[in-house]
mmCIF file of all heavy atoms, coordinates in Angstrom:
data_MODEL
# 
_entry.id   MODEL 
# 
loop_
_atom_site.group_PDB 
_atom_site.id 
_atom_site.type_symbol 
_atom_site.label_atom_id 
_atom_site.label_alt_id 
_atom_site.label_comp_id 
_atom_site.label_asym_id 
_atom_site.label_entity_id 
_atom_site.label_seq_id 
_atom_site.pdbx_PDB_ins_code 
_atom_site.Cartn_x 
_atom_site.Cartn_y 
_atom_site.Cartn_z 
_atom_site.occupancy 
_atom_site.B_iso_or_equiv 
_atom_site.pdbx_formal_charge 
_atom_site.auth_seq_id 
_atom_site.auth_comp_id 
_atom_site.auth_asym_id 
_atom_site.auth_atom_id 
_atom_site.pdbx_PDB_model_num 
ATOM 1   N N   . GLU A 1 1  ? -52.688 -67.458 -113.275 1.00 0.00 ? 1  GLU A N   1 
ATOM 2   C CA  . GLU A 1 1  ? -51.502 -67.034 -113.938 1.00 0.00 ? 1  GLU A CA  1 
ATOM 3   C C   . GLU A 1 1  ? -51.519 -67.773 -115.247 1.00 0.00 ? 1  GLU A C   1 
ATOM 4   O O   . GLU A 1 1  ? -51.095 -67.275 -116.477 1.00 0.00 ? 1  GLU A O   1 
ATOM 5   C CB  . GLU A 1 1  ? -50.250 -67.407 -113.205 1.00 0.00 ? 1  GLU A CB  1 
ATOM 6   C CG  . GLU A 1 1  ? -48.897 -67.120 -113.957 1.00 0.00 ? 1  GLU A CG  1 
ATOM 7   C CD  . GLU A 1 1  ? -47.678 -67.576 -113.139 1.00 0.00 ? 1  GLU A CD  1 
ATOM 8   O OE1 . GLU A 1 1  ? -47.790 -67.861 -112.084 1.00 0.00 ? 1  GLU A OE1 1 
ATOM 9   O OE2 . GLU A 1 1  ? -46.664 -67.655 -113.859 1.00 0.00 ? 1  GLU A OE2 1 
ATOM 10  N N   . ALA A 1 2  ? -51.872 -69.064 -115.336 1.00 0.00 ? 2  ALA A N   1 
ATOM 11  C CA  . ALA A 1 2  ? -52.013 -69.870 -116.589 1.00 0.00 ? 2  ALA A CA  1 
ATOM 12  C C   . ALA A 1 2  ? -53.027 -69.427 -117.533 1.00 0.00 ? 2  ALA A C   1 
ATOM 13  O O   . ALA A 1 2  ? -52.757 -69.289 -118.726 1.00 0.00 ? 2  ALA A O   1 
ATOM 14  C CB  . ALA A 1 2  ? -52.287 -71.265 -116.247 1.00 0.00 ? 2  ALA A CB  1 
ATOM 15  N N   . ARG A 1 3  ? -54.180 -69.032 -116.987 1.00 0.00 ? 3  ARG A N   1 
ATOM 16  C CA  . ARG A 1 3  ? -55.241 -68.616 -117.830 1.00 0.00 ? 3  ARG A CA  1 
ATOM 17  C C   . ARG A 1 3  ? -54.961 -67.182 -118.432 1.00 0.00 ? 3  ARG A C   1 
ATOM 18  O O   . ARG A 1 3  ? -55.038 -66.846 -119.651 1.00 0.00 ? 3  ARG A O   1 
ATOM 19  C CB  . ARG A 1 3  ? -56.605 -68.417 -117.064 1.00 0.00 ? 3  ARG A CB  1 
ATOM 20  C CG  . ARG A 1 3  ? -57.242 -69.700 -116.836 1.00 0.00 ? 3  ARG A CG  1 
ATOM 21  C CD  . ARG A 1 3  ? -58.641 -69.507 -116.256 1.00 0.00 ? 3  ARG A CD  1 
ATOM 22  N NE  . ARG A 1 3  ? -58.728 -68.700 -115.073 1.00 0.00 ? 3  ARG A NE  1 
ATOM 23  C CZ  . ARG A 1 3  ? -58.438 -69.243 -113.865 1.00 0.00 ? 3  ARG A CZ  1 
ATOM 24  N NH1 . ARG A 1 3  ? -58.239 -70.462 -113.602 1.00 0.00 ? 3  ARG A NH1 1 
ATOM 25  N NH2 . ARG A 1 3  ? -58.489 -68.325 -112.791 1.00 0.00 ? 3  ARG A NH2 1 
ATOM 26  N N   . VAL A 1 4  ? -54.507 -66.268 -117.630 1.00 0.00 ? 4  VAL A N   1 
ATOM 27  C CA  . VAL A 1 4  ? -54.049 -64.957 -118.074 1.00 0.00 ? 4  VAL A CA  1 
ATOM 28  C C   . VAL A 1 4  ? -52.919 -64.977 -119.041 1.00 0.00 ? 4  VAL A C   1 
ATOM 29  O O   . VAL A 1 4  ? -52.925 -64.386 -120.118 1.00 0.00 ? 4  VAL A O   1 
ATOM 30  C CB  . VAL A 1 4  ? -53.803 -63.973 -116.981 1.00 0.00 ? 4  VAL A CB  1 
ATOM 31  C CG1 . VAL A 1 4  ? -53.202 -62.737 -117.415 1.00 0.00 ? 4  VAL A CG1 1 
ATOM 32  C CG2 . VAL A 1 4  ? -55.033 -63.825 -116.035 1.00 0.00 ? 4  VAL A CG2 1 
ATOM 33  N N   . GLY A 1 5  ? -51.970 -65.715 -118.738 1.00 0.00 ? 5  GLY A N   1 
ATOM 34  C CA  . GLY A 1 5  ? -50.733 -65.821 -119.556 1.00 0.00 ? 5  GLY A CA  1 
ATOM 35  C C   . GLY A 1 5  ? -51.040 -66.416 -120.872 1.00 0.00 ? 5  GLY A C   1 
ATOM 36  O O   . GLY A 1 5  ? -50.279 -66.074 -121.846 1.00 0.00 ? 5  GLY A O   1 
ATOM 37  N N   . SER A 1 6  ? -51.884 -67.292 -121.010 1.00 0.00 ? 6  SER A N   1 
ATOM 38  C CA  . SER A 1 6  ? -52.234 -67.920 -122.302 1.00 0.00 ? 6  SER A CA  1 
ATOM 39  C C   . SER A 1 6  ? -53.116 -66.995 -123.193 1.00 0.00 ? 6  SER A C   1 
ATOM 40  O O   . SER A 1 6  ? -53.193 -67.144 -124.407 1.00 0.00 ? 6  SER A O   1 
ATOM 41  C CB  . SER A 1 6  ? -52.986 -69.159 -122.126 1.00 0.00 ? 6  SER A CB  1 
ATOM 42  O OG  . SER A 1 6  ? -54.394 -68.831 -121.650 1.00 0.00 ? 6  SER A OG  1 
ATOM 43  N N   . ARG A 1 7  ? -53.633 -65.897 -122.577 1.00 0.00 ? 7  ARG A N   1 
ATOM 44  C CA  . ARG A 1 7  ? -54.454 -64.944 -123.409 1.00 0.00 ? 7  ARG A CA  1 
ATOM 45  C C   . ARG A 1 7  ? -53.767 -63.614 -123.840 1.00 0.00 ? 7  ARG A C   1 
ATOM 46  O O   . ARG A 1 7  ? -54.202 -63.038 -124.776 1.00 0.00 ? 7  ARG A O   1 
ATOM 47  C CB  . ARG A 1 7  ? -55.536 -64.509 -122.641 1.00 0.00 ? 7  ARG A CB  1 
ATOM 48  C CG  . ARG A 1 7  ? -56.708 -65.547 -122.267 1.00 0.00 ? 7  ARG A CG  1 
ATOM 49  C CD  . ARG A 1 7  ? -57.765 -64.980 -121.510 1.00 0.00 ? 7  ARG A CD  1 
ATOM 50  N NE  . ARG A 1 7  ? -58.734 -66.149 -121.263 1.00 0.00 ? 7  ARG A NE  1 
ATOM 51  C CZ  . ARG A 1 7  ? -59.243 -66.222 -120.044 1.00 0.00 ? 7  ARG A CZ  1 
ATOM 52  N NH1 . ARG A 1 7  ? -59.036 -65.500 -119.020 1.00 0.00 ? 7  ARG A NH1 1 
ATOM 53  N NH2 . ARG A 1 7  ? -60.044 -67.370 -119.841 1.00 0.00 ? 7  ARG A NH2 1 
ATOM 54  N N   . ILE A 1 8  ? -52.613 -63.486 -123.323 1.00 0.00 ? 8  ILE A N   1 
ATOM 55  C CA  . ILE A 1 8  ? -51.785 -62.366 -123.739 1.00 0.00 ? 8  ILE A CA  1 
ATOM 56  C C   . ILE A 1 8  ? -50.830 -62.678 -124.944 1.00 0.00 ? 8  ILE A C   1 
ATOM 57  O O   . ILE A 1 8  ? -50.031 -63.663 -124.784 1.00 0.00 ? 8  ILE A O   1 
ATOM 58  C CB  . ILE A 1 8  ? -50.896 -61.827 -122.516 1.00 0.00 ? 8  ILE A CB  1 
ATOM 59  C CG1 . ILE A 1 8  ? -51.766 -61.407 -121.341 1.00 0.00 ? 8  ILE A CG1 1 
ATOM 60  C CG2 . ILE A 1 8  ? -49.981 -60.593 -123.012 1.00 0.00 ? 8  ILE A CG2 1 
ATOM 61  C CD1 . ILE A 1 8  ? -51.013 -61.058 -120.026 1.00 0.00 ? 8  ILE A CD1 1 
ATOM 62  N N   . HIS A 1 9  ? -50.982 -61.939 -125.977 1.00 0.00 ? 9  HIS A N   1 
ATOM 63  C CA  . HIS A 1 9  ? -50.140 -62.177 -127.079 1.00 0.00 ? 9  HIS A CA  1 
ATOM 64  C C   . HIS A 1 9  ? -49.193 -60.904 -127.378 1.00 0.00 ? 9  HIS A C   1 
ATOM 65  O O   . HIS A 1 9  ? -49.646 -59.921 -127.891 1.00 0.00 ? 9  HIS A O   1 
ATOM 66  C CB  . HIS A 1 9  ? -50.874 -62.489 -128.370 1.00 0.00 ? 9  HIS A CB  1 
ATOM 67  C CG  . HIS A 1 9  ? -51.821 -63.698 -128.268 1.00 0.00 ? 9  HIS A CG  1 
ATOM 68  N ND1 . HIS A 1 9  ? -51.384 -64.917 -128.289 1.00 0.00 ? 9  HIS A ND1 1 
ATOM 69  C CD2 . HIS A 1 9  ? -53.124 -63.680 -127.850 1.00 0.00 ? 9  HIS A CD2 1 
ATOM 70  C CE1 . HIS A 1 9  ? -52.245 -65.681 -128.062 1.00 0.00 ? 9  HIS A CE1 1 
ATOM 71  N NE2 . HIS A 1 9  ? -53.454 -65.072 -127.835 1.00 0.00 ? 9  HIS A NE2 1 
ATOM 72  N N   . SER A 1 10 ? -47.921 -60.997 -126.870 1.00 0.00 ? 10 SER A N   1 
ATOM 73  C CA  . SER A 1 10 ? -47.078 -59.742 -126.845 1.00 0.00 ? 10 SER A CA  1 
ATOM 74  C C   . SER A 1 10 ? -45.653 -60.425 -126.942 1.00 0.00 ? 10 SER A C   1 
ATOM 75  O O   . SER A 1 10 ? -45.430 -61.396 -126.240 1.00 0.00 ? 10 SER A O   1 
ATOM 76  C CB  . SER A 1 10 ? -47.203 -58.952 -125.679 1.00 0.00 ? 10 SER A CB  1 
ATOM 77  O OG  . SER A 1 10 ? -46.256 -57.968 -125.537 1.00 0.00 ? 10 SER A OG  1 
ATOM 78  N N   . GLU A 1 11 ? -44.766 -59.752 -127.615 1.00 0.00 ? 11 GLU A N   1 
ATOM 79  C CA  . GLU A 1 11 ? -43.354 -60.197 -127.627 1.00 0.00 ? 11 GLU A CA  1 
ATOM 80  C C   . GLU A 1 11 ? -42.676 -59.847 -126.300 1.00 0.00 ? 11 GLU A C   1 
ATOM 81  O O   . GLU A 1 11 ? -41.597 -60.206 -126.008 1.00 0.00 ? 11 GLU A O   1 
ATOM 82  C CB  . GLU A 1 11 ? -42.619 -59.403 -128.814 1.00 0.00 ? 11 GLU A CB  1 
ATOM 83  C CG  . GLU A 1 11 ? -42.554 -57.983 -128.595 1.00 0.00 ? 11 GLU A CG  1 
ATOM 84  C CD  . GLU A 1 11 ? -41.881 -57.294 -129.806 1.00 0.00 ? 11 GLU A CD  1 
ATOM 85  O OE1 . GLU A 1 11 ? -42.342 -57.334 -130.926 1.00 0.00 ? 11 GLU A OE1 1 
ATOM 86  O OE2 . GLU A 1 11 ? -40.816 -56.706 -129.599 1.00 0.00 ? 11 GLU A OE2 1 
ATOM 87  N N   . HIS A 1 12 ? -43.360 -59.080 -125.381 1.00 0.00 ? 12 HIS A N   1 
ATOM 88  C CA  . HIS A 1 12 ? -42.851 -58.725 -124.115 1.00 0.00 ? 12 HIS A CA  1 
ATOM 89  C C   . HIS A 1 12 ? -43.319 -59.695 -123.066 1.00 0.00 ? 12 HIS A C   1 
ATOM 90  O O   . HIS A 1 12 ? -42.970 -59.436 -121.758 1.00 0.00 ? 12 HIS A O   1 
ATOM 91  C CB  . HIS A 1 12 ? -43.175 -57.342 -123.787 1.00 0.00 ? 12 HIS A CB  1 
ATOM 92  C CG  . HIS A 1 12 ? -42.844 -56.353 -124.901 1.00 0.00 ? 12 HIS A CG  1 
ATOM 93  N ND1 . HIS A 1 12 ? -41.562 -56.000 -125.144 1.00 0.00 ? 12 HIS A ND1 1 
ATOM 94  C CD2 . HIS A 1 12 ? -43.500 -55.669 -125.799 1.00 0.00 ? 12 HIS A CD2 1 
ATOM 95  C CE1 . HIS A 1 12 ? -41.375 -55.162 -126.102 1.00 0.00 ? 12 HIS A CE1 1 
ATOM 96  N NE2 . HIS A 1 12 ? -42.599 -54.947 -126.568 1.00 0.00 ? 12 HIS A NE2 1 
ATOM 97  N N   . VAL A 1 13 ? -44.154 -60.646 -123.227 1.00 0.00 ? 13 VAL A N   1 
ATOM 98  C CA  . VAL A 1 13 ? -44.770 -61.556 -122.292 1.00 0.00 ? 13 VAL A CA  1 
ATOM 99  C C   . VAL A 1 13 ? -44.542 -63.017 -122.756 1.00 0.00 ? 13 VAL A C   1 
ATOM 100 O O   . VAL A 1 13 ? -44.784 -63.300 -123.941 1.00 0.00 ? 13 VAL A O   1 
ATOM 101 C CB  . VAL A 1 13 ? -46.111 -61.276 -121.957 1.00 0.00 ? 13 VAL A CB  1 
ATOM 102 C CG1 . VAL A 1 13 ? -46.827 -62.194 -120.947 1.00 0.00 ? 13 VAL A CG1 1 
ATOM 103 C CG2 . VAL A 1 13 ? -46.388 -59.852 -121.634 1.00 0.00 ? 13 VAL A CG2 1 
ATOM 104 N N   . VAL A 1 14 ? -43.999 -63.788 -121.858 1.00 0.00 ? 14 VAL A N   1 
ATOM 105 C CA  . VAL A 1 14 ? -43.772 -65.240 -122.260 1.00 0.00 ? 14 VAL A CA  1 
ATOM 106 C C   . VAL A 1 14 ? -45.048 -65.895 -122.455 1.00 0.00 ? 14 VAL A C   1 
ATOM 107 O O   . VAL A 1 14 ? -46.161 -65.535 -121.840 1.00 0.00 ? 14 VAL A O   1 
ATOM 108 C CB  . VAL A 1 14 ? -43.070 -65.923 -120.952 1.00 0.00 ? 14 VAL A CB  1 
ATOM 109 C CG1 . VAL A 1 14 ? -43.913 -65.990 -119.767 1.00 0.00 ? 14 VAL A CG1 1 
ATOM 110 C CG2 . VAL A 1 14 ? -42.658 -67.339 -121.471 1.00 0.00 ? 14 VAL A CG2 1 
ATOM 111 N N   . GLU A 1 15 ? -45.133 -66.766 -123.490 1.00 0.00 ? 15 GLU A N   1 
ATOM 112 C CA  . GLU A 1 15 ? -46.419 -67.484 -123.942 1.00 0.00 ? 15 GLU A CA  1 
ATOM 113 C C   . GLU A 1 15 ? -46.624 -68.669 -123.076 1.00 0.00 ? 15 GLU A C   1 
ATOM 114 O O   . GLU A 1 15 ? -45.704 -69.516 -122.953 1.00 0.00 ? 15 GLU A O   1 
ATOM 115 C CB  . GLU A 1 15 ? -46.403 -67.793 -125.353 1.00 0.00 ? 15 GLU A CB  1 
ATOM 116 C CG  . GLU A 1 15 ? -47.551 -68.628 -125.793 1.00 0.00 ? 15 GLU A CG  1 
ATOM 117 C CD  . GLU A 1 15 ? -47.334 -69.132 -127.383 1.00 0.00 ? 15 GLU A CD  1 
ATOM 118 O OE1 . GLU A 1 15 ? -46.173 -68.904 -127.888 1.00 0.00 ? 15 GLU A OE1 1 
ATOM 119 O OE2 . GLU A 1 15 ? -48.354 -69.667 -127.770 1.00 0.00 ? 15 GLU A OE2 1 
ATOM 120 N N   . VAL A 1 16 ? -47.794 -68.848 -122.498 1.00 0.00 ? 16 VAL A N   1 
ATOM 121 C CA  . VAL A 1 16 ? -48.138 -70.218 -121.790 1.00 0.00 ? 16 VAL A CA  1 
ATOM 122 C C   . VAL A 1 16 ? -48.724 -71.001 -122.790 1.00 0.00 ? 16 VAL A C   1 
ATOM 123 O O   . VAL A 1 16 ? -49.744 -70.575 -123.414 1.00 0.00 ? 16 VAL A O   1 
ATOM 124 C CB  . VAL A 1 16 ? -49.039 -69.769 -120.674 1.00 0.00 ? 16 VAL A CB  1 
ATOM 125 C CG1 . VAL A 1 16 ? -49.552 -71.252 -119.986 1.00 0.00 ? 16 VAL A CG1 1 
ATOM 126 C CG2 . VAL A 1 16 ? -48.469 -68.890 -119.559 1.00 0.00 ? 16 VAL A CG2 1 
ATOM 127 N N   . VAL A 1 17 ? -48.181 -72.193 -123.000 1.00 0.00 ? 17 VAL A N   1 
ATOM 128 C CA  . VAL A 1 17 ? -48.597 -73.096 -124.104 1.00 0.00 ? 17 VAL A CA  1 
ATOM 129 C C   . VAL A 1 17 ? -49.385 -74.100 -123.517 1.00 0.00 ? 17 VAL A C   1 
ATOM 130 O O   . VAL A 1 17 ? -50.166 -74.839 -124.367 1.00 0.00 ? 17 VAL A O   1 
ATOM 131 C CB  . VAL A 1 17 ? -47.394 -73.673 -124.930 1.00 0.00 ? 17 VAL A CB  1 
ATOM 132 C CG1 . VAL A 1 17 ? -46.567 -72.620 -125.643 1.00 0.00 ? 17 VAL A CG1 1 
ATOM 133 C CG2 . VAL A 1 17 ? -46.426 -74.421 -124.084 1.00 0.00 ? 17 VAL A CG2 1 
ATOM 134 N N   . ASP A 1 18 ? -49.430 -74.597 -122.280 1.00 0.00 ? 18 ASP A N   1 
ATOM 135 C CA  . ASP A 1 18 ? -50.215 -75.520 -121.676 1.00 0.00 ? 18 ASP A CA  1 
ATOM 136 C C   . ASP A 1 18 ? -50.124 -75.416 -120.194 1.00 0.00 ? 18 ASP A C   1 
ATOM 137 O O   . ASP A 1 18 ? -49.181 -74.841 -119.678 1.00 0.00 ? 18 ASP A O   1 
ATOM 138 C CB  . ASP A 1 18 ? -49.715 -76.888 -122.173 1.00 0.00 ? 18 ASP A CB  1 
ATOM 139 C CG  . ASP A 1 18 ? -50.858 -77.984 -122.029 1.00 0.00 ? 18 ASP A CG  1 
ATOM 140 O OD1 . ASP A 1 18 ? -51.944 -77.612 -121.550 1.00 0.00 ? 18 ASP A OD1 1 
ATOM 141 O OD2 . ASP A 1 18 ? -50.559 -79.115 -122.369 1.00 0.00 ? 18 ASP A OD2 1 
ATOM 142 N N   . ALA A 1 19 ? -51.047 -75.968 -119.511 1.00 0.00 ? 19 ALA A N   1 
ATOM 143 C CA  . ALA A 1 19 ? -51.056 -76.063 -118.092 1.00 0.00 ? 19 ALA A CA  1 
ATOM 144 C C   . ALA A 1 19 ? -51.974 -77.287 -117.552 1.00 0.00 ? 19 ALA A C   1 
ATOM 145 O O   . ALA A 1 19 ? -52.692 -77.739 -118.297 1.00 0.00 ? 19 ALA A O   1 
ATOM 146 C CB  . ALA A 1 19 ? -51.594 -74.738 -117.577 1.00 0.00 ? 19 ALA A CB  1 
ATOM 147 N N   . GLY A 1 20 ? -51.639 -77.563 -116.334 1.00 0.00 ? 20 GLY A N   1 
ATOM 148 C CA  . GLY A 1 20 ? -52.487 -78.759 -115.705 1.00 0.00 ? 20 GLY A CA  1 
ATOM 149 C C   . GLY A 1 20 ? -52.038 -78.975 -114.310 1.00 0.00 ? 20 GLY A C   1 
ATOM 150 O O   . GLY A 1 20 ? -51.189 -78.286 -113.737 1.00 0.00 ? 20 GLY A O   1 
ATOM 151 N N   . VAL A 1 21 ? -52.466 -80.154 -113.939 1.00 0.00 ? 21 VAL A N   1 
ATOM 152 C CA  . VAL A 1 21 ? -52.070 -80.674 -112.559 1.00 0.00 ? 21 VAL A CA  1 
ATOM 153 C C   . VAL A 1 21 ? -51.731 -82.061 -112.809 1.00 0.00 ? 21 VAL A C   1 
ATOM 154 O O   . VAL A 1 21 ? -52.476 -82.975 -113.385 1.00 0.00 ? 21 VAL A O   1 
ATOM 155 C CB  . VAL A 1 21 ? -53.380 -80.659 -111.610 1.00 0.00 ? 21 VAL A CB  1 
ATOM 156 C CG1 . VAL A 1 21 ? -53.006 -81.224 -110.240 1.00 0.00 ? 21 VAL A CG1 1 
ATOM 157 C CG2 . VAL A 1 21 ? -53.783 -79.168 -111.427 1.00 0.00 ? 21 VAL A CG2 1 
ATOM 158 N N   . ASP A 1 22 ? -50.627 -82.460 -112.259 1.00 0.00 ? 22 ASP A N   1 
ATOM 159 C CA  . ASP A 1 22 ? -50.068 -83.876 -112.345 1.00 0.00 ? 22 ASP A CA  1 
ATOM 160 C C   . ASP A 1 22 ? -50.913 -84.752 -111.575 1.00 0.00 ? 22 ASP A C   1 
ATOM 161 O O   . ASP A 1 22 ? -51.165 -84.528 -110.391 1.00 0.00 ? 22 ASP A O   1 
ATOM 162 C CB  . ASP A 1 22 ? -48.627 -83.953 -111.851 1.00 0.00 ? 22 ASP A CB  1 
ATOM 163 C CG  . ASP A 1 22 ? -48.094 -85.274 -112.009 1.00 0.00 ? 22 ASP A CG  1 
ATOM 164 O OD1 . ASP A 1 22 ? -47.688 -85.707 -113.285 1.00 0.00 ? 22 ASP A OD1 1 
ATOM 165 O OD2 . ASP A 1 22 ? -47.966 -86.056 -111.074 1.00 0.00 ? 22 ASP A OD2 1 
ATOM 166 N N   . LYS A 1 23 ? -51.479 -85.930 -112.249 1.00 0.00 ? 23 LYS A N   1 
ATOM 167 C CA  . LYS A 1 23 ? -52.359 -86.721 -111.539 1.00 0.00 ? 23 LYS A CA  1 
ATOM 168 C C   . LYS A 1 23 ? -51.795 -87.512 -110.463 1.00 0.00 ? 23 LYS A C   1 
ATOM 169 O O   . LYS A 1 23 ? -52.447 -87.762 -109.441 1.00 0.00 ? 23 LYS A O   1 
ATOM 170 C CB  . LYS A 1 23 ? -53.064 -87.766 -112.585 1.00 0.00 ? 23 LYS A CB  1 
ATOM 171 C CG  . LYS A 1 23 ? -53.849 -87.118 -113.646 1.00 0.00 ? 23 LYS A CG  1 
ATOM 172 C CD  . LYS A 1 23 ? -54.315 -88.166 -114.686 1.00 0.00 ? 23 LYS A CD  1 
ATOM 173 C CE  . LYS A 1 23 ? -55.134 -87.381 -115.755 1.00 0.00 ? 23 LYS A CE  1 
ATOM 174 N NZ  . LYS A 1 23 ? -55.595 -88.336 -116.723 1.00 0.00 ? 23 LYS A NZ  1 
ATOM 175 N N   . GLN A 1 24 ? -50.558 -87.839 -110.465 1.00 0.00 ? 24 GLN A N   1 
ATOM 176 C CA  . GLN A 1 24 ? -49.933 -88.739 -109.365 1.00 0.00 ? 24 GLN A CA  1 
ATOM 177 C C   . GLN A 1 24 ? -49.574 -87.782 -108.321 1.00 0.00 ? 24 GLN A C   1 
ATOM 178 O O   . GLN A 1 24 ? -49.685 -88.315 -107.058 1.00 0.00 ? 24 GLN A O   1 
ATOM 179 C CB  . GLN A 1 24 ? -48.668 -89.349 -109.982 1.00 0.00 ? 24 GLN A CB  1 
ATOM 180 C CG  . GLN A 1 24 ? -48.987 -90.375 -110.922 1.00 0.00 ? 24 GLN A CG  1 
ATOM 181 C CD  . GLN A 1 24 ? -47.743 -91.201 -111.507 1.00 0.00 ? 24 GLN A CD  1 
ATOM 182 O OE1 . GLN A 1 24 ? -46.572 -90.697 -111.377 1.00 0.00 ? 24 GLN A OE1 1 
ATOM 183 N NE2 . GLN A 1 24 ? -47.885 -92.323 -112.112 1.00 0.00 ? 24 GLN A NE2 1 
ATOM 184 N N   . THR A 1 25 ? -49.115 -86.629 -108.441 1.00 0.00 ? 25 THR A N   1 
ATOM 185 C CA  . THR A 1 25 ? -48.565 -85.825 -107.306 1.00 0.00 ? 25 THR A CA  1 
ATOM 186 C C   . THR A 1 25 ? -49.424 -84.721 -106.821 1.00 0.00 ? 25 THR A C   1 
ATOM 187 O O   . THR A 1 25 ? -49.327 -84.095 -105.887 1.00 0.00 ? 25 THR A O   1 
ATOM 188 C CB  . THR A 1 25 ? -47.206 -85.190 -107.680 1.00 0.00 ? 25 THR A CB  1 
ATOM 189 O OG1 . THR A 1 25 ? -47.413 -84.177 -108.688 1.00 0.00 ? 25 THR A OG1 1 
ATOM 190 C CG2 . THR A 1 25 ? -46.177 -86.213 -108.076 1.00 0.00 ? 25 THR A CG2 1 
ATOM 191 N N   . GLY A 1 26 ? -50.469 -84.340 -107.892 1.00 0.00 ? 26 GLY A N   1 
ATOM 192 C CA  . GLY A 1 26 ? -51.348 -83.134 -107.564 1.00 0.00 ? 26 GLY A CA  1 
ATOM 193 C C   . GLY A 1 26 ? -50.599 -81.883 -107.707 1.00 0.00 ? 26 GLY A C   1 
ATOM 194 O O   . GLY A 1 26 ? -51.236 -80.815 -107.320 1.00 0.00 ? 26 GLY A O   1 
ATOM 195 N N   . MET A 1 27 ? -49.519 -81.906 -108.326 1.00 0.00 ? 27 MET A N   1 
ATOM 196 C CA  . MET A 1 27 ? -48.630 -80.622 -108.466 1.00 0.00 ? 27 MET A CA  1 
ATOM 197 C C   . MET A 1 27 ? -49.066 -79.867 -109.766 1.00 0.00 ? 27 MET A C   1 
ATOM 198 O O   . MET A 1 27 ? -49.068 -80.514 -110.872 1.00 0.00 ? 27 MET A O   1 
ATOM 199 C CB  . MET A 1 27 ? -47.177 -81.012 -108.669 1.00 0.00 ? 27 MET A CB  1 
ATOM 200 C CG  . MET A 1 27 ? -46.231 -79.896 -108.818 1.00 0.00 ? 27 MET A CG  1 
ATOM 201 S SD  . MET A 1 27 ? -46.031 -79.120 -107.226 1.00 0.00 ? 27 MET A SD  1 
ATOM 202 C CE  . MET A 1 27 ? -45.320 -80.398 -106.261 1.00 0.00 ? 27 MET A CE  1 
ATOM 203 N N   . PRO A 1 28 ? -49.585 -78.604 -109.610 1.00 0.00 ? 28 PRO A N   1 
ATOM 204 C CA  . PRO A 1 28 ? -49.917 -77.717 -110.745 1.00 0.00 ? 28 PRO A CA  1 
ATOM 205 C C   . PRO A 1 28 ? -48.603 -77.382 -111.475 1.00 0.00 ? 28 PRO A C   1 
ATOM 206 O O   . PRO A 1 28 ? -47.667 -77.227 -110.849 1.00 0.00 ? 28 PRO A O   1 
ATOM 207 C CB  . PRO A 1 28 ? -50.513 -76.431 -110.043 1.00 0.00 ? 28 PRO A CB  1 
ATOM 208 C CG  . PRO A 1 28 ? -50.809 -76.897 -108.654 1.00 0.00 ? 28 PRO A CG  1 
ATOM 209 C CD  . PRO A 1 28 ? -49.839 -77.975 -108.262 1.00 0.00 ? 28 PRO A CD  1 
# 
């Protein structure tokens, strides 16, 4: 979802500006 969302450039799709996994909790 993060990879695909960051590649779509449309006013109809929310822009993904960053993504990751929290080092302390392992939470994406």
